[in-house]
N, C-alpha and C. Protein backbone atom coordinates (compact mmCIF):
# COMPACT_ATOMS: atom_id res chain seq x y z
N MET A 1 15.62 -26.67 -42.54
CA MET A 1 14.90 -25.44 -42.23
C MET A 1 15.35 -24.88 -40.89
N VAL A 2 15.45 -25.75 -39.86
CA VAL A 2 15.88 -25.29 -38.54
C VAL A 2 17.30 -24.77 -38.59
N GLU A 3 18.16 -25.45 -39.37
CA GLU A 3 19.53 -25.01 -39.48
C GLU A 3 19.63 -23.65 -40.16
N ALA A 4 18.73 -23.33 -41.04
CA ALA A 4 18.74 -22.03 -41.71
C ALA A 4 18.26 -20.92 -40.78
N LEU A 5 17.34 -21.24 -39.88
CA LEU A 5 16.80 -20.24 -38.95
C LEU A 5 17.61 -20.11 -37.66
N GLN A 6 18.49 -21.02 -37.38
CA GLN A 6 19.23 -21.03 -36.12
C GLN A 6 20.07 -19.75 -35.92
N PRO A 7 20.74 -19.20 -36.91
CA PRO A 7 21.49 -17.96 -36.68
C PRO A 7 20.59 -16.78 -36.30
N ILE A 8 19.34 -16.84 -36.68
CA ILE A 8 18.40 -15.76 -36.32
C ILE A 8 17.72 -16.06 -34.99
N LEU A 9 17.42 -17.32 -34.70
CA LEU A 9 16.69 -17.68 -33.49
C LEU A 9 17.51 -17.48 -32.22
N VAL A 10 18.79 -17.75 -32.26
CA VAL A 10 19.61 -17.62 -31.06
C VAL A 10 19.65 -16.18 -30.56
N PRO A 11 19.98 -15.19 -31.40
CA PRO A 11 19.95 -13.80 -30.89
C PRO A 11 18.54 -13.34 -30.53
N LEU A 12 17.56 -13.81 -31.29
CA LEU A 12 16.18 -13.42 -31.01
C LEU A 12 15.73 -13.95 -29.65
N CYS A 13 16.04 -15.20 -29.35
CA CYS A 13 15.70 -15.77 -28.04
C CYS A 13 16.47 -15.07 -26.92
N PHE A 14 17.70 -14.71 -27.18
CA PHE A 14 18.51 -13.98 -26.20
C PHE A 14 17.86 -12.63 -25.87
N ILE A 15 17.44 -11.92 -26.91
CA ILE A 15 16.80 -10.61 -26.71
C ILE A 15 15.48 -10.77 -25.97
N PHE A 16 14.68 -11.77 -26.34
CA PHE A 16 13.40 -11.98 -25.67
C PHE A 16 13.58 -12.39 -24.21
N ALA A 17 14.61 -13.18 -23.91
CA ALA A 17 14.87 -13.58 -22.53
C ALA A 17 15.23 -12.36 -21.68
N TRP A 18 16.10 -11.48 -22.20
CA TRP A 18 16.46 -10.29 -21.45
C TRP A 18 15.30 -9.31 -21.35
N LEU A 19 14.51 -9.22 -22.38
CA LEU A 19 13.32 -8.36 -22.34
C LEU A 19 12.33 -8.85 -21.29
N PHE A 20 12.15 -10.15 -21.23
CA PHE A 20 11.27 -10.73 -20.21
C PHE A 20 11.81 -10.45 -18.80
N ALA A 21 13.11 -10.61 -18.60
CA ALA A 21 13.72 -10.34 -17.29
C ALA A 21 13.58 -8.87 -16.92
N LEU A 22 13.76 -7.98 -17.89
CA LEU A 22 13.62 -6.55 -17.64
C LEU A 22 12.18 -6.19 -17.27
N LEU A 23 11.23 -6.72 -18.01
CA LEU A 23 9.82 -6.45 -17.71
C LEU A 23 9.42 -7.02 -16.35
N LEU A 24 9.93 -8.18 -16.00
CA LEU A 24 9.66 -8.76 -14.69
C LEU A 24 10.23 -7.87 -13.59
N GLY A 25 11.44 -7.39 -13.77
CA GLY A 25 12.05 -6.49 -12.79
C GLY A 25 11.28 -5.19 -12.64
N LEU A 26 10.86 -4.61 -13.77
CA LEU A 26 10.08 -3.37 -13.71
C LEU A 26 8.74 -3.58 -13.03
N THR A 27 8.11 -4.70 -13.28
CA THR A 27 6.83 -5.01 -12.64
C THR A 27 7.00 -5.17 -11.13
N LEU A 28 8.05 -5.86 -10.72
CA LEU A 28 8.30 -6.02 -9.28
C LEU A 28 8.61 -4.68 -8.62
N PHE A 29 9.40 -3.85 -9.29
CA PHE A 29 9.71 -2.52 -8.76
C PHE A 29 8.46 -1.67 -8.64
N SER A 30 7.63 -1.70 -9.66
CA SER A 30 6.39 -0.92 -9.65
C SER A 30 5.44 -1.40 -8.54
N SER A 31 5.35 -2.70 -8.37
CA SER A 31 4.48 -3.25 -7.32
C SER A 31 4.99 -2.87 -5.94
N LEU A 32 6.28 -2.93 -5.74
CA LEU A 32 6.87 -2.54 -4.45
C LEU A 32 6.65 -1.06 -4.18
N ARG A 33 6.84 -0.22 -5.20
CA ARG A 33 6.63 1.21 -5.04
C ARG A 33 5.18 1.52 -4.68
N ASP A 34 4.24 0.86 -5.35
CA ASP A 34 2.82 1.08 -5.06
C ASP A 34 2.45 0.58 -3.66
N ALA A 35 3.02 -0.53 -3.24
CA ALA A 35 2.75 -1.07 -1.91
C ALA A 35 3.28 -0.13 -0.84
N LEU A 36 4.47 0.43 -1.04
CA LEU A 36 5.02 1.37 -0.07
C LEU A 36 4.21 2.66 -0.02
N ARG A 37 3.76 3.13 -1.16
CA ARG A 37 2.92 4.33 -1.21
C ARG A 37 1.59 4.09 -0.48
N ARG A 38 1.01 2.92 -0.68
CA ARG A 38 -0.26 2.58 -0.02
C ARG A 38 -0.06 2.44 1.48
N ALA A 39 1.05 1.81 1.89
CA ALA A 39 1.33 1.66 3.32
C ALA A 39 1.53 3.01 3.98
N LYS A 40 2.20 3.92 3.30
CA LYS A 40 2.41 5.26 3.85
C LYS A 40 1.07 5.98 4.02
N GLN A 41 0.19 5.81 3.04
CA GLN A 41 -1.13 6.44 3.12
C GLN A 41 -1.95 5.84 4.26
N MET A 42 -1.89 4.52 4.42
CA MET A 42 -2.66 3.87 5.47
C MET A 42 -2.13 4.23 6.86
N HIS A 43 -0.82 4.49 6.97
CA HIS A 43 -0.26 4.87 8.26
C HIS A 43 -0.59 6.31 8.64
N SER A 44 -1.13 7.07 7.71
CA SER A 44 -1.52 8.44 8.03
C SER A 44 -2.95 8.52 8.56
N ILE A 45 -3.63 7.40 8.67
CA ILE A 45 -4.98 7.38 9.25
C ILE A 45 -4.84 7.49 10.77
N PRO A 46 -5.42 8.52 11.39
CA PRO A 46 -5.16 8.79 12.80
C PRO A 46 -6.07 8.05 13.78
N CYS A 47 -6.92 7.19 13.33
CA CYS A 47 -7.96 6.60 14.19
C CYS A 47 -7.42 5.86 15.41
N ALA A 48 -6.35 5.13 15.27
CA ALA A 48 -5.85 4.32 16.38
C ALA A 48 -5.41 5.17 17.57
N ASP A 49 -5.05 6.43 17.34
CA ASP A 49 -4.60 7.31 18.42
C ASP A 49 -5.67 8.29 18.88
N CYS A 50 -6.89 8.11 18.43
CA CYS A 50 -7.98 9.03 18.77
C CYS A 50 -8.72 8.55 20.01
N GLN A 51 -9.19 9.49 20.83
CA GLN A 51 -9.91 9.10 22.05
C GLN A 51 -11.30 8.56 21.74
N PHE A 52 -11.84 8.84 20.57
CA PHE A 52 -13.16 8.35 20.20
C PHE A 52 -13.11 6.97 19.57
N PHE A 53 -11.92 6.43 19.31
CA PHE A 53 -11.76 5.12 18.69
C PHE A 53 -11.95 4.05 19.75
N THR A 54 -12.87 3.10 19.50
CA THR A 54 -13.19 2.09 20.51
C THR A 54 -12.49 0.76 20.28
N ASN A 55 -11.96 0.53 19.05
CA ASN A 55 -11.31 -0.73 18.69
C ASN A 55 -12.26 -1.92 18.82
N ASP A 56 -13.53 -1.66 18.63
CA ASP A 56 -14.55 -2.70 18.65
C ASP A 56 -15.08 -2.83 17.22
N TYR A 57 -15.20 -4.04 16.71
CA TYR A 57 -15.61 -4.22 15.32
C TYR A 57 -17.03 -3.76 15.07
N ARG A 58 -17.86 -3.67 16.10
CA ARG A 58 -19.24 -3.24 15.91
C ARG A 58 -19.35 -1.72 15.82
N LEU A 59 -18.57 -1.00 16.60
CA LEU A 59 -18.58 0.46 16.59
C LEU A 59 -17.14 0.93 16.77
N LYS A 60 -16.49 1.21 15.66
CA LYS A 60 -15.08 1.58 15.71
C LYS A 60 -14.88 2.98 16.25
N CYS A 61 -15.75 3.89 15.88
CA CYS A 61 -15.63 5.28 16.29
C CYS A 61 -17.00 5.79 16.70
N THR A 62 -17.04 6.48 17.83
CA THR A 62 -18.33 6.97 18.32
C THR A 62 -18.78 8.23 17.60
N VAL A 63 -17.86 8.94 16.95
CA VAL A 63 -18.21 10.18 16.25
C VAL A 63 -18.50 9.93 14.77
N HIS A 64 -17.59 9.19 14.10
CA HIS A 64 -17.75 8.89 12.67
C HIS A 64 -17.59 7.39 12.44
N PRO A 65 -18.61 6.60 12.75
CA PRO A 65 -18.46 5.14 12.62
C PRO A 65 -18.28 4.66 11.18
N GLY A 66 -18.79 5.37 10.23
CA GLY A 66 -18.67 4.94 8.84
C GLY A 66 -17.31 5.24 8.23
N ALA A 67 -16.61 6.21 8.77
CA ALA A 67 -15.33 6.62 8.21
C ALA A 67 -14.14 6.10 8.99
N ALA A 68 -14.36 5.44 10.10
CA ALA A 68 -13.26 4.98 10.94
C ALA A 68 -12.40 3.97 10.21
N ASN A 69 -11.10 4.13 10.34
CA ASN A 69 -10.09 3.26 9.73
C ASN A 69 -10.17 3.22 8.21
N THR A 70 -10.68 4.26 7.59
CA THR A 70 -10.70 4.35 6.14
C THR A 70 -9.94 5.60 5.72
N GLU A 71 -9.77 5.77 4.42
CA GLU A 71 -9.08 6.95 3.92
C GLU A 71 -9.87 8.23 4.18
N GLN A 72 -11.16 8.11 4.42
CA GLN A 72 -11.98 9.27 4.73
C GLN A 72 -11.60 9.87 6.08
N ALA A 73 -10.95 9.10 6.93
CA ALA A 73 -10.60 9.57 8.27
C ALA A 73 -9.33 10.42 8.26
N ILE A 74 -8.61 10.45 7.15
CA ILE A 74 -7.41 11.29 7.07
C ILE A 74 -7.86 12.74 7.10
N GLY A 75 -7.34 13.51 8.03
CA GLY A 75 -7.73 14.90 8.18
C GLY A 75 -9.04 15.07 8.93
N CYS A 76 -9.40 14.13 9.76
CA CYS A 76 -10.65 14.20 10.52
C CYS A 76 -10.65 15.44 11.42
N ARG A 77 -11.70 16.25 11.32
CA ARG A 77 -11.77 17.48 12.12
C ARG A 77 -12.12 17.20 13.58
N ASP A 78 -12.66 16.02 13.87
CA ASP A 78 -13.04 15.69 15.25
C ASP A 78 -11.96 14.87 15.95
N TYR A 79 -10.80 14.71 15.34
CA TYR A 79 -9.72 13.93 15.95
C TYR A 79 -9.29 14.58 17.26
N SER A 80 -9.18 13.77 18.28
CA SER A 80 -8.70 14.22 19.58
C SER A 80 -7.74 13.15 20.10
N SER A 81 -6.55 13.56 20.41
CA SER A 81 -5.52 12.60 20.82
C SER A 81 -5.94 11.85 22.07
N ALA A 82 -5.67 10.56 22.08
CA ALA A 82 -6.03 9.72 23.23
C ALA A 82 -5.10 9.98 24.40
N SER A 83 -3.89 10.41 24.14
CA SER A 83 -2.96 10.70 25.23
C SER A 83 -3.14 12.14 25.67
N ARG A 84 -3.59 12.33 26.88
CA ARG A 84 -3.80 13.65 27.43
C ARG A 84 -2.64 13.99 28.36
N PRO A 85 -2.19 15.22 28.35
CA PRO A 85 -1.00 15.56 29.15
C PRO A 85 -1.22 15.43 30.66
N PHE A 86 -2.45 15.61 31.15
CA PHE A 86 -2.68 15.57 32.59
C PHE A 86 -3.40 14.31 33.06
N SER A 87 -3.50 13.32 32.20
CA SER A 87 -4.19 12.09 32.59
C SER A 87 -3.25 11.15 33.32
N VAL A 88 -3.83 10.34 34.17
CA VAL A 88 -3.06 9.35 34.92
C VAL A 88 -3.15 8.03 34.17
N PRO A 89 -2.03 7.40 33.86
CA PRO A 89 -2.07 6.16 33.08
C PRO A 89 -2.67 5.00 33.83
């Protein structure tokens, strides 16, 4: 029985092995693409450069404490740059 199925099993296993490798590659590519997209979105959160950001885990932002360091902070209307042109470092 095995000898009769062997001419069919060898190409079938070959196809399944390459299909598995292709699906694994596509999954890794998709995961990397999603991770890069998420990292780009997270880097657009302006909180770390805002003068109202305290960097304290109890009160991260004095203006919007609930939205600090979240996606809700993207496009914050109260954002004010921490670096002022006339300030002394």
